Amino acid sequence: MDRLGDVEHIGIAVRGLGDAKKIYCELLGLECTGEMTLPERGVKVAFLETGNTKIELLEGIGEESPVTKFIERHGPGIHHLCFEVGDIERVLSELADSGLRLIDEKPRPGAEGKLVAFLHPKSTSGVLIELQEK
Protein backbone atom coordinates (compact mmCIF):
# COMPACT_ATOMS: atom_id res chain seq x y z
CA MET A 1 0.00 0.00 0.00
CA ASP A 2 1.26 3.48 -0.86
CA ARG A 3 2.00 5.23 2.44
CA LEU A 4 5.08 7.44 2.32
CA GLY A 5 5.91 9.98 -0.34
CA ASP A 6 9.02 12.05 -0.83
CA VAL A 7 11.35 13.11 1.96
CA GLU A 8 9.93 16.53 2.86
CA HIS A 9 12.77 17.56 5.15
CA ILE A 10 15.54 16.40 7.43
CA GLY A 11 15.54 17.82 10.96
CA ILE A 12 18.97 18.55 12.42
CA ALA A 13 19.37 19.32 16.13
CA VAL A 14 21.90 22.10 16.72
CA ARG A 15 23.24 23.89 19.78
CA GLY A 16 22.72 27.32 18.19
CA LEU A 17 21.04 28.47 14.98
CA GLY A 18 23.63 31.21 14.39
CA ASP A 19 26.61 28.87 14.26
CA ALA A 20 24.70 26.22 12.31
CA LYS A 21 23.45 28.75 9.74
CA LYS A 22 27.03 29.94 9.25
CA ILE A 23 28.01 26.38 8.29
CA TYR A 24 24.97 25.48 6.19
CA CYS A 25 24.35 28.86 4.54
CA GLU A 26 27.63 30.77 4.40
CA LEU A 27 30.01 27.84 3.94
CA LEU A 28 27.83 25.24 2.18
CA GLY A 29 25.72 27.75 0.24
CA LEU A 30 22.20 26.72 1.20
CA GLU A 31 19.47 29.36 1.27
CA CYS A 32 17.69 30.12 4.55
CA THR A 33 14.05 30.72 3.62
CA GLY A 34 12.72 31.51 7.07
CA GLU A 35 13.00 31.22 10.81
CA MET A 36 10.47 30.91 13.58
CA THR A 37 10.31 30.41 17.31
CA LEU A 38 7.74 27.95 18.65
CA PRO A 39 7.80 28.49 22.42
CA GLU A 40 4.98 26.00 23.00
CA ARG A 41 7.22 23.31 21.47
CA GLY A 42 10.44 24.62 23.02
CA VAL A 43 12.22 25.13 19.71
CA LYS A 44 13.61 27.69 17.29
CA VAL A 45 13.65 26.56 13.65
CA ALA A 46 15.48 27.74 10.53
CA PHE A 47 14.30 26.41 7.16
CA LEU A 48 16.93 25.75 4.49
CA GLU A 49 16.39 24.89 0.82
CA THR A 50 18.61 22.32 -0.87
CA GLY A 51 16.85 22.15 -4.21
CA ASN A 52 15.23 18.75 -3.77
CA THR A 53 14.30 18.69 -0.08
CA LYS A 54 14.48 20.96 2.93
CA ILE A 55 16.58 20.98 6.05
CA GLU A 56 15.19 22.18 9.36
CA LEU A 57 17.79 23.34 11.84
CA LEU A 58 16.34 22.89 15.33
CA GLU A 59 17.61 24.72 18.42
CA GLY A 60 16.06 23.83 21.77
CA ILE A 61 14.69 26.56 24.00
CA GLY A 62 15.14 25.75 27.67
CA GLU A 63 16.08 22.60 29.56
CA GLU A 64 12.73 20.85 28.98
CA SER A 65 12.81 21.19 25.20
CA PRO A 66 12.77 17.82 23.40
CA VAL A 67 15.60 19.12 21.18
CA THR A 68 17.69 20.16 24.19
CA LYS A 69 17.17 16.72 25.73
CA PHE A 70 18.06 15.06 22.41
CA ILE A 71 21.35 16.97 22.23
CA GLU A 72 22.15 16.09 25.87
CA ARG A 73 21.71 12.37 25.08
CA HIS A 74 23.07 12.14 21.53
CA GLY A 75 24.84 15.41 20.74
CA PRO A 76 23.97 17.58 17.74
CA GLY A 77 23.04 15.82 14.51
CA ILE A 78 20.17 14.32 12.59
CA HIS A 79 17.07 14.52 14.77
CA HIS A 80 14.36 13.21 12.42
CA LEU A 81 13.28 12.41 8.87
CA CYS A 82 10.02 13.82 7.55
CA PHE A 83 8.03 12.13 4.78
CA GLU A 84 5.08 13.54 2.87
CA VAL A 85 1.82 11.60 2.99
CA GLY A 86 -1.44 12.13 1.16
CA ASP A 87 -3.90 11.31 3.97
CA ILE A 88 -2.15 11.51 7.34
CA GLU A 89 -5.06 10.14 9.40
CA ARG A 90 -5.35 7.05 7.17
CA VAL A 91 -1.60 6.45 7.28
CA LEU A 92 -1.48 6.82 11.08
CA SER A 93 -4.35 4.37 11.46
CA GLU A 94 -2.71 1.81 9.15
CA LEU A 95 0.66 2.14 10.86
CA ALA A 96 -0.89 1.77 14.32
CA ASP A 97 -2.83 -1.30 13.12
CA SER A 98 0.42 -2.80 11.83
CA GLY A 99 2.03 -2.43 15.27
CA LEU A 100 4.12 0.74 14.98
CA ARG A 101 4.21 2.91 18.08
CA LEU A 102 2.91 6.43 17.51
CA ILE A 103 3.94 9.53 19.41
CA ASP A 104 0.97 11.40 17.95
CA GLU A 105 -2.22 9.38 17.57
CA LYS A 106 -3.87 12.41 15.97
CA PRO A 107 -2.14 14.88 13.64
CA ARG A 108 -1.40 18.41 14.81
CA PRO A 109 -0.30 21.60 13.05
CA GLY A 110 3.43 21.65 12.32
CA ALA A 111 5.87 24.54 12.08
CA GLU A 112 4.69 25.44 8.58
CA GLY A 113 0.99 24.98 9.34
CA LYS A 114 0.57 21.57 7.67
CA LEU A 115 -0.65 18.58 9.68
CA VAL A 116 2.13 16.45 11.15
CA ALA A 117 2.54 13.42 13.41
CA PHE A 118 5.55 11.54 14.75
CA LEU A 119 6.33 7.82 14.92
CA HIS A 120 8.24 6.61 17.96
CA PRO A 121 11.88 5.74 17.21
CA LYS A 122 11.65 2.57 19.33
CA SER A 123 9.46 1.08 16.61
CA THR A 124 11.35 2.51 13.60
CA SER A 125 14.89 1.19 14.13
CA GLY A 126 15.92 4.15 16.28
CA VAL A 127 14.90 6.90 13.83
CA LEU A 128 12.31 9.54 14.76
CA ILE A 129 10.00 9.79 11.75
CA GLU A 130 7.67 12.69 11.09
CA LEU A 131 4.76 12.44 8.69
CA GLN A 132 3.51 15.63 7.03
CA GLU A 133 0.33 15.86 5.02
CA LYS A 134 0.84 17.34 1.55
C-alpha atoms as a PDB file:
ATOM      1  CA  MET A   1       0.000   0.000   0.000  1.00  0.00           C
ATOM      2  CA  ASP A   2       1.261   3.483  -0.860  1.00  0.00           C
ATOM      3  CA  ARG A   3       1.999   5.233   2.443  1.00  0.00           C
ATOM      4  CA  LEU A   4       5.077   7.436   2.321  1.00  0.00           C
ATOM      5  CA  GLY A   5       5.905   9.981  -0.343  1.00  0.00           C
ATOM      6  CA  ASP A   6       9.023  12.046  -0.828  1.00  0.00           C
ATOM      7  CA  VAL A   7      11.350  13.115   1.961  1.00  0.00           C
ATOM      8  CA  GLU A   8       9.927  16.530   2.859  1.00  0.00           C
ATOM      9  CA  HIS A   9      12.766  17.562   5.148  1.00  0.00           C
ATOM     10  CA  ILE A  10      15.540  16.403   7.427  1.00  0.00           C
ATOM     11  CA  GLY A  11      15.545  17.819  10.959  1.00  0.00           C
ATOM     12  CA  ILE A  12      18.972  18.547  12.420  1.00  0.00           C
ATOM     13  CA  ALA A  13      19.366  19.319  16.128  1.00  0.00           C
ATOM     14  CA  VAL A  14      21.900  22.104  16.720  1.00  0.00           C
ATOM     15  CA  ARG A  15      23.236  23.890  19.783  1.00  0.00           C
ATOM     16  CA  GLY A  16      22.717  27.315  18.187  1.00  0.00           C
ATOM     17  CA  LEU A  17      21.044  28.468  14.981  1.00  0.00           C
ATOM     18  CA  GLY A  18      23.627  31.209  14.389  1.00  0.00           C
ATOM     19  CA  ASP A  19      26.611  28.866  14.259  1.00  0.00           C
ATOM     20  CA  ALA A  20      24.698  26.223  12.307  1.00  0.00           C
ATOM     21  CA  LYS A  21      23.452  28.751   9.738  1.00  0.00           C
ATOM     22  CA  LYS A  22      27.028  29.937   9.255  1.00  0.00           C
ATOM     23  CA  ILE A  23      28.006  26.380   8.289  1.00  0.00           C
ATOM     24  CA  TYR A  24      24.969  25.481   6.190  1.00  0.00           C
ATOM     25  CA  CYS A  25      24.346  28.864   4.540  1.00  0.00           C
ATOM     26  CA  GLU A  26      27.626  30.772   4.404  1.00  0.00           C
ATOM     27  CA  LEU A  27      30.006  27.844   3.940  1.00  0.00           C
ATOM     28  CA  LEU A  28      27.830  25.243   2.184  1.00  0.00           C
ATOM     29  CA  GLY A  29      25.724  27.750   0.241  1.00  0.00           C
ATOM     30  CA  LEU A  30      22.196  26.721   1.203  1.00  0.00           C
ATOM     31  CA  GLU A  31      19.470  29.357   1.275  1.00  0.00           C
ATOM     32  CA  CYS A  32      17.689  30.121   4.550  1.00  0.00           C
ATOM     33  CA  THR A  33      14.051  30.723   3.616  1.00  0.00           C
ATOM     34  CA  GLY A  34      12.724  31.505   7.073  1.00  0.00           C
ATOM     35  CA  GLU A  35      13.000  31.223  10.812  1.00  0.00           C
ATOM     36  CA  MET A  36      10.473  30.914  13.584  1.00  0.00           C
ATOM     37  CA  THR A  37      10.305  30.409  17.311  1.00  0.00           C
ATOM     38  CA  LEU A  38       7.743  27.949  18.650  1.00  0.00           C
ATOM     39  CA  PRO A  39       7.796  28.490  22.421  1.00  0.00           C
ATOM     40  CA  GLU A  40       4.980  25.999  22.996  1.00  0.00           C
ATOM     41  CA  ARG A  41       7.225  23.306  21.473  1.00  0.00           C
ATOM     42  CA  GLY A  42      10.437  24.616  23.018  1.00  0.00           C
ATOM     43  CA  VAL A  43      12.220  25.125  19.710  1.00  0.00           C
ATOM     44  CA  LYS A  44      13.611  27.689  17.288  1.00  0.00           C
ATOM     45  CA  VAL A  45      13.649  26.561  13.649  1.00  0.00           C
ATOM     46  CA  ALA A  46      15.482  27.739  10.529  1.00  0.00           C
ATOM     47  CA  PHE A  47      14.297  26.411   7.160  1.00  0.00           C
ATOM     48  CA  LEU A  48      16.930  25.752   4.488  1.00  0.00           C
ATOM     49  CA  GLU A  49      16.393  24.889   0.820  1.00  0.00           C
ATOM     50  CA  THR A  50      18.611  22.317  -0.865  1.00  0.00           C
ATOM     51  CA  GLY A  51      16.851  22.151  -4.213  1.00  0.00           C
ATOM     52  CA  ASN A  52      15.229  18.746  -3.772  1.00  0.00           C
ATOM     53  CA  THR A  53      14.302  18.689  -0.082  1.00  0.00           C
ATOM     54  CA  LYS A  54      14.475  20.964   2.931  1.00  0.00           C
ATOM     55  CA  ILE A  55      16.582  20.976   6.046  1.00  0.00           C
ATOM     56  CA  GLU A  56      15.188  22.178   9.363  1.00  0.00           C
ATOM     57  CA  LEU A  57      17.788  23.344  11.840  1.00  0.00           C
ATOM     58  CA  LEU A  58      16.340  22.890  15.335  1.00  0.00           C
ATOM     59  CA  GLU A  59      17.614  24.718  18.417  1.00  0.00           C
ATOM     60  CA  GLY A  60      16.059  23.832  21.766  1.00  0.00           C
ATOM     61  CA  ILE A  61      14.689  26.562  24.003  1.00  0.00           C
ATOM     62  CA  GLY A  62      15.141  25.745  27.673  1.00  0.00           C
ATOM     63  CA  GLU A  63      16.077  22.604  29.559  1.00  0.00           C
ATOM     64  CA  GLU A  64      12.731  20.849  28.982  1.00  0.00           C
ATOM     65  CA  SER A  65      12.810  21.193  25.195  1.00  0.00           C
ATOM     66  CA  PRO A  66      12.775  17.816  23.401  1.00  0.00           C
ATOM     67  CA  VAL A  67      15.599  19.118  21.183  1.00  0.00           C
ATOM     68  CA  THR A  68      17.690  20.161  24.192  1.00  0.00           C
ATOM     69  CA  LYS A  69      17.172  16.715  25.732  1.00  0.00           C
ATOM     70  CA  PHE A  70      18.059  15.055  22.409  1.00  0.00           C
ATOM     71  CA  ILE A  71      21.354  16.969  22.232  1.00  0.00           C
ATOM     72  CA  GLU A  72      22.148  16.088  25.870  1.00  0.00           C
ATOM     73  CA  ARG A  73      21.709  12.367  25.077  1.00  0.00           C
ATOM     74  CA  HIS A  74      23.067  12.144  21.528  1.00  0.00           C
ATOM     75  CA  GLY A  75      24.840  15.413  20.744  1.00  0.00           C
ATOM     76  CA  PRO A  76      23.969  17.577  17.745  1.00  0.00           C
ATOM     77  CA  GLY A  77      23.044  15.819  14.513  1.00  0.00           C
ATOM     78  CA  ILE A  78      20.167  14.324  12.595  1.00  0.00           C
ATOM     79  CA  HIS A  79      17.067  14.519  14.766  1.00  0.00           C
ATOM     80  CA  HIS A  80      14.358  13.213  12.423  1.00  0.00           C
ATOM     81  CA  LEU A  81      13.277  12.413   8.873  1.00  0.00           C
ATOM     82  CA  CYS A  82      10.017  13.821   7.555  1.00  0.00           C
ATOM     83  CA  PHE A  83       8.025  12.128   4.783  1.00  0.00           C
ATOM     84  CA  GLU A  84       5.077  13.544   2.867  1.00  0.00           C
ATOM     85  CA  VAL A  85       1.824  11.596   2.994  1.00  0.00           C
ATOM     86  CA  GLY A  86      -1.445  12.130   1.163  1.00  0.00           C
ATOM     87  CA  ASP A  87      -3.896  11.314   3.972  1.00  0.00           C
ATOM     88  CA  ILE A  88      -2.153  11.509   7.339  1.00  0.00           C
ATOM     89  CA  GLU A  89      -5.064  10.136   9.396  1.00  0.00           C
ATOM     90  CA  ARG A  90      -5.354   7.048   7.165  1.00  0.00           C
ATOM     91  CA  VAL A  91      -1.601   6.445   7.277  1.00  0.00           C
ATOM     92  CA  LEU A  92      -1.480   6.821  11.079  1.00  0.00           C
ATOM     93  CA  SER A  93      -4.347   4.368  11.458  1.00  0.00           C
ATOM     94  CA  GLU A  94      -2.709   1.815   9.148  1.00  0.00           C
ATOM     95  CA  LEU A  95       0.658   2.137  10.865  1.00  0.00           C
ATOM     96  CA  ALA A  96      -0.891   1.766  14.324  1.00  0.00           C
ATOM     97  CA  ASP A  97      -2.829  -1.297  13.124  1.00  0.00           C
ATOM     98  CA  SER A  98       0.425  -2.795  11.831  1.00  0.00           C
ATOM     99  CA  GLY A  99       2.034  -2.425  15.266  1.00  0.00           C
ATOM    100  CA  LEU A 100       4.123   0.743  14.978  1.00  0.00           C
ATOM    101  CA  ARG A 101       4.211   2.909  18.083  1.00  0.00           C
ATOM    102  CA  LEU A 102       2.911   6.432  17.510  1.00  0.00           C
ATOM    103  CA  ILE A 103       3.939   9.528  19.409  1.00  0.00           C
ATOM    104  CA  ASP A 104       0.971  11.398  17.951  1.00  0.00           C
ATOM    105  CA  GLU A 105      -2.218   9.375  17.568  1.00  0.00           C
ATOM    106  CA  LYS A 106      -3.873  12.413  15.972  1.00  0.00           C
ATOM    107  CA  PRO A 107      -2.138  14.879  13.636  1.00  0.00           C
ATOM    108  CA  ARG A 108      -1.400  18.411  14.811  1.00  0.00           C
ATOM    109  CA  PRO A 109      -0.301  21.599  13.046  1.00  0.00           C
ATOM    110  CA  GLY A 110       3.426  21.650  12.315  1.00  0.00           C
ATOM    111  CA  ALA A 111       5.872  24.545  12.084  1.00  0.00           C
ATOM    112  CA  GLU A 112       4.693  25.439   8.576  1.00  0.00           C
ATOM    113  CA  GLY A 113       0.991  24.979   9.336  1.00  0.00           C
ATOM    114  CA  LYS A 114       0.566  21.570   7.670  1.00  0.00           C
ATOM    115  CA  LEU A 115      -0.653  18.578   9.676  1.00  0.00           C
ATOM    116  CA  VAL A 116       2.129  16.453  11.152  1.00  0.00           C
ATOM    117  CA  ALA A 117       2.542  13.415  13.406  1.00  0.00           C
ATOM    118  CA  PHE A 118       5.552  11.542  14.750  1.00  0.00           C
ATOM    119  CA  LEU A 119       6.329   7.820  14.919  1.00  0.00           C
ATOM    120  CA  HIS A 120       8.244   6.607  17.963  1.00  0.00           C
ATOM    121  CA  PRO A 121      11.885   5.738  17.212  1.00  0.00           C
ATOM    122  CA  LYS A 122      11.646   2.569  19.325  1.00  0.00           C
ATOM    123  CA  SER A 123       9.458   1.079  16.605  1.00  0.00           C
ATOM    124  CA  THR A 124      11.350   2.514  13.596  1.00  0.00           C
ATOM    125  CA  SER A 125      14.887   1.187  14.132  1.00  0.00           C
ATOM    126  CA  GLY A 126      15.919   4.146  16.277  1.00  0.00           C
ATOM    127  CA  VAL A 127      14.902   6.900  13.830  1.00  0.00           C
ATOM    128  CA  LEU A 128      12.310   9.540  14.760  1.00  0.00           C
ATOM    129  CA  ILE A 129       9.996   9.793  11.750  1.00  0.00           C
ATOM    130  CA  GLU A 130       7.674  12.693  11.089  1.00  0.00           C
ATOM    131  CA  LEU A 131       4.757  12.441   8.688  1.00  0.00           C
ATOM    132  CA  GLN A 132       3.513  15.634   7.032  1.00  0.00           C
ATOM    133  CA  GLU A 133       0.335  15.860   5.015  1.00  0.00           C
ATOM    134  CA  LYS A 134       0.844  17.340   1.545  1.00  0.00           C
END
